[in-house]
Amino acid sequence: MSTPGYASTLRAAVRAIRDGATTSVAYTRSLLDRIAATDAEVRAWAHLDREAALRAALACDAPGRAGSLAGVGIGVKDIIATAG
C-alpha cells in the first residue's frame, strides 16, 4: 500500500483510505513523521500524543469503522480551550 503522504489533499487522503490504497495508520505515520521533521523549527505543537494518534488510526482501520472522514487526523490550534 502506498500512502498519499502529508502533502496530499484532504480529499485524496480520504479517497486513498476509503479505497484501500493506504491505511489510516500509514497516513497518520506520514503526518507524524512530517511533524517530527519540521516542528523543531516551526514549533506548531504544544502537545502531540503520537501513541494516541496511532491508536485512533488503528481503530479507524478496523472493519465496520466507516465514516466520511474516518482515519484522517486533525490538529487543534492551541489557542482553543480544550479539556485535558
N, C-alpha and C. Protein backbone atom coordinates (compact mmCIF):
# COMPACT_ATOMS: atom_id res chain seq x y z
N MET A 1 0.84 -1.18 0.00
CA MET A 1 0.00 0.00 0.00
C MET A 1 0.89 1.24 0.00
N SER A 2 0.48 2.22 -0.75
CA SER A 2 1.22 3.48 -0.73
C SER A 2 0.38 4.52 -0.01
N THR A 3 1.04 5.40 0.68
CA THR A 3 0.32 6.43 1.40
C THR A 3 0.31 7.71 0.60
N PRO A 4 -0.78 8.47 0.62
CA PRO A 4 -0.80 9.71 -0.10
C PRO A 4 0.16 10.73 0.51
N GLY A 5 0.52 10.55 1.75
CA GLY A 5 1.50 11.41 2.40
C GLY A 5 0.94 12.71 2.93
N TYR A 6 1.78 13.37 3.71
CA TYR A 6 1.36 14.58 4.40
C TYR A 6 0.94 15.69 3.45
N ALA A 7 1.47 15.74 2.25
CA ALA A 7 1.19 16.84 1.33
C ALA A 7 -0.06 16.62 0.49
N SER A 8 -0.71 15.50 0.63
CA SER A 8 -1.91 15.25 -0.18
C SER A 8 -3.06 16.11 0.32
N THR A 9 -4.04 16.26 -0.52
CA THR A 9 -5.23 17.00 -0.11
C THR A 9 -6.09 16.12 0.80
N LEU A 10 -6.98 16.75 1.51
CA LEU A 10 -7.91 16.01 2.36
C LEU A 10 -8.71 15.01 1.53
N ARG A 11 -9.18 15.44 0.39
CA ARG A 11 -9.97 14.54 -0.47
C ARG A 11 -9.15 13.34 -0.92
N ALA A 12 -7.88 13.57 -1.28
CA ALA A 12 -7.02 12.47 -1.73
C ALA A 12 -6.77 11.49 -0.59
N ALA A 13 -6.56 12.00 0.61
CA ALA A 13 -6.33 11.13 1.76
C ALA A 13 -7.57 10.30 2.08
N VAL A 14 -8.72 10.94 2.09
CA VAL A 14 -9.98 10.23 2.37
C VAL A 14 -10.21 9.15 1.33
N ARG A 15 -10.01 9.48 0.07
CA ARG A 15 -10.22 8.52 -1.02
C ARG A 15 -9.24 7.35 -0.91
N ALA A 16 -7.97 7.62 -0.62
CA ALA A 16 -6.96 6.56 -0.51
C ALA A 16 -7.28 5.61 0.63
N ILE A 17 -7.73 6.15 1.76
CA ILE A 17 -8.10 5.30 2.90
C ILE A 17 -9.36 4.50 2.57
N ARG A 18 -10.36 5.18 2.03
CA ARG A 18 -11.63 4.51 1.69
C ARG A 18 -11.43 3.40 0.66
N ASP A 19 -10.59 3.66 -0.35
CA ASP A 19 -10.40 2.71 -1.43
C ASP A 19 -9.36 1.63 -1.11
N GLY A 20 -8.72 1.72 0.05
CA GLY A 20 -7.75 0.71 0.45
C GLY A 20 -6.36 0.91 -0.14
N ALA A 21 -6.11 2.09 -0.74
CA ALA A 21 -4.78 2.38 -1.28
C ALA A 21 -3.77 2.62 -0.16
N THR A 22 -4.28 2.98 1.01
CA THR A 22 -3.46 3.14 2.20
C THR A 22 -4.33 2.84 3.41
N THR A 23 -3.73 2.89 4.57
CA THR A 23 -4.47 2.70 5.81
C THR A 23 -4.42 3.99 6.62
N SER A 24 -5.29 4.08 7.58
CA SER A 24 -5.27 5.22 8.48
C SER A 24 -3.95 5.28 9.24
N VAL A 25 -3.45 4.12 9.63
CA VAL A 25 -2.18 4.06 10.37
C VAL A 25 -1.04 4.57 9.50
N ALA A 26 -0.95 4.14 8.26
CA ALA A 26 0.13 4.58 7.38
C ALA A 26 0.03 6.09 7.13
N TYR A 27 -1.15 6.58 6.91
CA TYR A 27 -1.33 8.01 6.68
C TYR A 27 -0.96 8.81 7.93
N THR A 28 -1.42 8.34 9.08
CA THR A 28 -1.09 9.01 10.34
C THR A 28 0.41 9.02 10.58
N ARG A 29 1.07 7.91 10.29
CA ARG A 29 2.53 7.88 10.44
C ARG A 29 3.20 8.91 9.54
N SER A 30 2.69 9.09 8.32
CA SER A 30 3.29 10.09 7.43
C SER A 30 3.13 11.49 8.00
N LEU A 31 1.99 11.76 8.61
CA LEU A 31 1.78 13.06 9.24
C LEU A 31 2.70 13.25 10.44
N LEU A 32 2.79 12.22 11.28
CA LEU A 32 3.65 12.30 12.46
C LEU A 32 5.12 12.43 12.08
N ASP A 33 5.53 11.75 11.02
CA ASP A 33 6.92 11.87 10.55
C ASP A 33 7.21 13.28 10.06
N ARG A 34 6.25 13.88 9.38
CA ARG A 34 6.44 15.26 8.91
C ARG A 34 6.54 16.22 10.08
N ILE A 35 5.71 16.03 11.08
CA ILE A 35 5.76 16.87 12.28
C ILE A 35 7.14 16.72 12.93
N ALA A 36 7.61 15.49 13.07
CA ALA A 36 8.92 15.25 13.69
C ALA A 36 10.04 15.92 12.91
N ALA A 37 9.91 15.95 11.59
CA ALA A 37 10.96 16.52 10.75
C ALA A 37 10.96 18.05 10.73
N THR A 38 9.83 18.67 11.05
CA THR A 38 9.74 20.12 10.88
C THR A 38 9.42 20.91 12.14
N ASP A 39 8.94 20.26 13.19
CA ASP A 39 8.42 21.03 14.31
C ASP A 39 9.49 21.71 15.16
N ALA A 40 10.72 21.26 15.13
CA ALA A 40 11.76 21.95 15.89
C ALA A 40 11.90 23.40 15.41
N GLU A 41 11.70 23.60 14.12
CA GLU A 41 11.77 24.95 13.56
C GLU A 41 10.43 25.66 13.61
N VAL A 42 9.36 24.94 13.30
CA VAL A 42 8.03 25.54 13.20
C VAL A 42 7.42 25.79 14.58
N ARG A 43 7.61 24.85 15.47
CA ARG A 43 7.07 24.91 16.84
C ARG A 43 5.56 25.13 16.85
N ALA A 44 4.86 24.31 16.08
CA ALA A 44 3.41 24.44 15.96
C ALA A 44 2.65 23.61 16.99
N TRP A 45 3.33 22.68 17.64
CA TRP A 45 2.63 21.74 18.51
C TRP A 45 3.00 21.98 19.97
N ALA A 46 1.99 22.37 20.78
CA ALA A 46 2.19 22.48 22.21
C ALA A 46 2.10 21.10 22.85
N HIS A 47 1.29 20.23 22.28
CA HIS A 47 1.12 18.87 22.78
C HIS A 47 0.82 17.96 21.59
N LEU A 48 1.53 16.86 21.51
CA LEU A 48 1.29 15.88 20.45
C LEU A 48 1.44 14.50 21.06
N ASP A 49 0.37 13.73 21.04
CA ASP A 49 0.39 12.38 21.60
C ASP A 49 0.43 11.38 20.45
N ARG A 50 1.65 11.03 20.03
CA ARG A 50 1.84 10.11 18.90
C ARG A 50 1.12 8.79 19.12
N GLU A 51 1.25 8.24 20.31
CA GLU A 51 0.66 6.93 20.60
C GLU A 51 -0.86 6.98 20.52
N ALA A 52 -1.47 8.02 21.06
CA ALA A 52 -2.93 8.14 20.98
C ALA A 52 -3.38 8.31 19.53
N ALA A 53 -2.62 9.07 18.75
CA ALA A 53 -2.96 9.25 17.33
C ALA A 53 -2.90 7.92 16.59
N LEU A 54 -1.87 7.13 16.87
CA LEU A 54 -1.74 5.83 16.20
C LEU A 54 -2.81 4.85 16.67
N ARG A 55 -3.18 4.89 17.95
CA ARG A 55 -4.27 4.02 18.44
C ARG A 55 -5.59 4.39 17.76
N ALA A 56 -5.85 5.69 17.63
CA ALA A 56 -7.09 6.13 16.98
C ALA A 56 -7.09 5.72 15.51
N ALA A 57 -5.95 5.83 14.85
CA ALA A 57 -5.86 5.42 13.44
C ALA A 57 -6.10 3.92 13.30
N LEU A 58 -5.55 3.15 14.20
CA LEU A 58 -5.74 1.69 14.17
C LEU A 58 -7.22 1.36 14.35
N ALA A 59 -7.89 2.06 15.24
CA ALA A 59 -9.32 1.84 15.44
C ALA A 59 -10.10 2.17 14.17
N CYS A 60 -9.68 3.21 13.45
CA CYS A 60 -10.36 3.57 12.20
C CYS A 60 -10.14 2.53 11.11
N ASP A 61 -9.04 1.79 11.19
CA ASP A 61 -8.78 0.75 10.20
C ASP A 61 -9.55 -0.53 10.48
N ALA A 62 -10.18 -0.63 11.64
CA ALA A 62 -10.93 -1.84 11.99
C ALA A 62 -12.16 -1.98 11.09
N PRO A 63 -12.53 -3.21 10.76
CA PRO A 63 -13.73 -3.43 9.94
C PRO A 63 -14.96 -2.77 10.56
N GLY A 64 -15.78 -2.19 9.72
CA GLY A 64 -17.01 -1.56 10.18
C GLY A 64 -16.85 -0.16 10.69
N ARG A 65 -15.63 0.36 10.65
CA ARG A 65 -15.38 1.72 11.14
C ARG A 65 -15.35 2.69 9.96
N ALA A 66 -16.48 2.92 9.36
CA ALA A 66 -16.54 3.80 8.21
C ALA A 66 -17.21 5.12 8.58
N GLY A 67 -16.77 6.13 7.98
CA GLY A 67 -17.34 7.46 8.13
C GLY A 67 -16.68 8.33 7.08
N SER A 68 -17.26 9.44 6.76
CA SER A 68 -16.74 10.23 5.65
C SER A 68 -15.32 10.74 5.89
N LEU A 69 -14.93 10.93 7.14
CA LEU A 69 -13.57 11.39 7.44
C LEU A 69 -12.80 10.41 8.32
N ALA A 70 -13.28 9.19 8.42
CA ALA A 70 -12.62 8.19 9.26
C ALA A 70 -11.17 8.01 8.84
N GLY A 71 -10.27 8.12 9.80
CA GLY A 71 -8.87 7.89 9.55
C GLY A 71 -8.06 9.10 9.17
N VAL A 72 -8.70 10.25 9.01
CA VAL A 72 -7.98 11.47 8.67
C VAL A 72 -7.90 12.33 9.92
N GLY A 73 -6.68 12.57 10.38
CA GLY A 73 -6.48 13.32 11.62
C GLY A 73 -6.62 14.81 11.44
N ILE A 74 -6.78 15.49 12.55
CA ILE A 74 -6.84 16.95 12.56
C ILE A 74 -5.91 17.46 13.65
N GLY A 75 -5.52 18.69 13.52
CA GLY A 75 -4.79 19.38 14.57
C GLY A 75 -5.70 20.46 15.13
N VAL A 76 -5.66 20.64 16.43
CA VAL A 76 -6.46 21.68 17.08
C VAL A 76 -5.50 22.76 17.53
N LYS A 77 -5.71 23.96 17.04
CA LYS A 77 -4.83 25.07 17.39
C LYS A 77 -4.88 25.30 18.90
N ASP A 78 -3.72 25.52 19.49
CA ASP A 78 -3.64 25.57 20.95
C ASP A 78 -4.22 26.83 21.57
N ILE A 79 -4.75 27.74 20.77
CA ILE A 79 -5.43 28.88 21.36
C ILE A 79 -6.90 28.58 21.65
N ILE A 80 -7.32 27.36 21.29
CA ILE A 80 -8.68 26.93 21.54
C ILE A 80 -8.68 26.16 22.86
N ALA A 81 -9.54 26.54 23.77
CA ALA A 81 -9.61 25.84 25.05
C ALA A 81 -10.09 24.42 24.85
N THR A 82 -9.34 23.46 25.39
CA THR A 82 -9.71 22.06 25.31
C THR A 82 -9.58 21.44 26.70
N ALA A 83 -10.37 20.43 26.97
CA ALA A 83 -10.27 19.74 28.25
C ALA A 83 -9.09 18.78 28.19
N GLY A 84 -8.33 18.69 29.28
CA GLY A 84 -7.21 17.75 29.35
C GLY A 84 -6.02 18.22 28.59
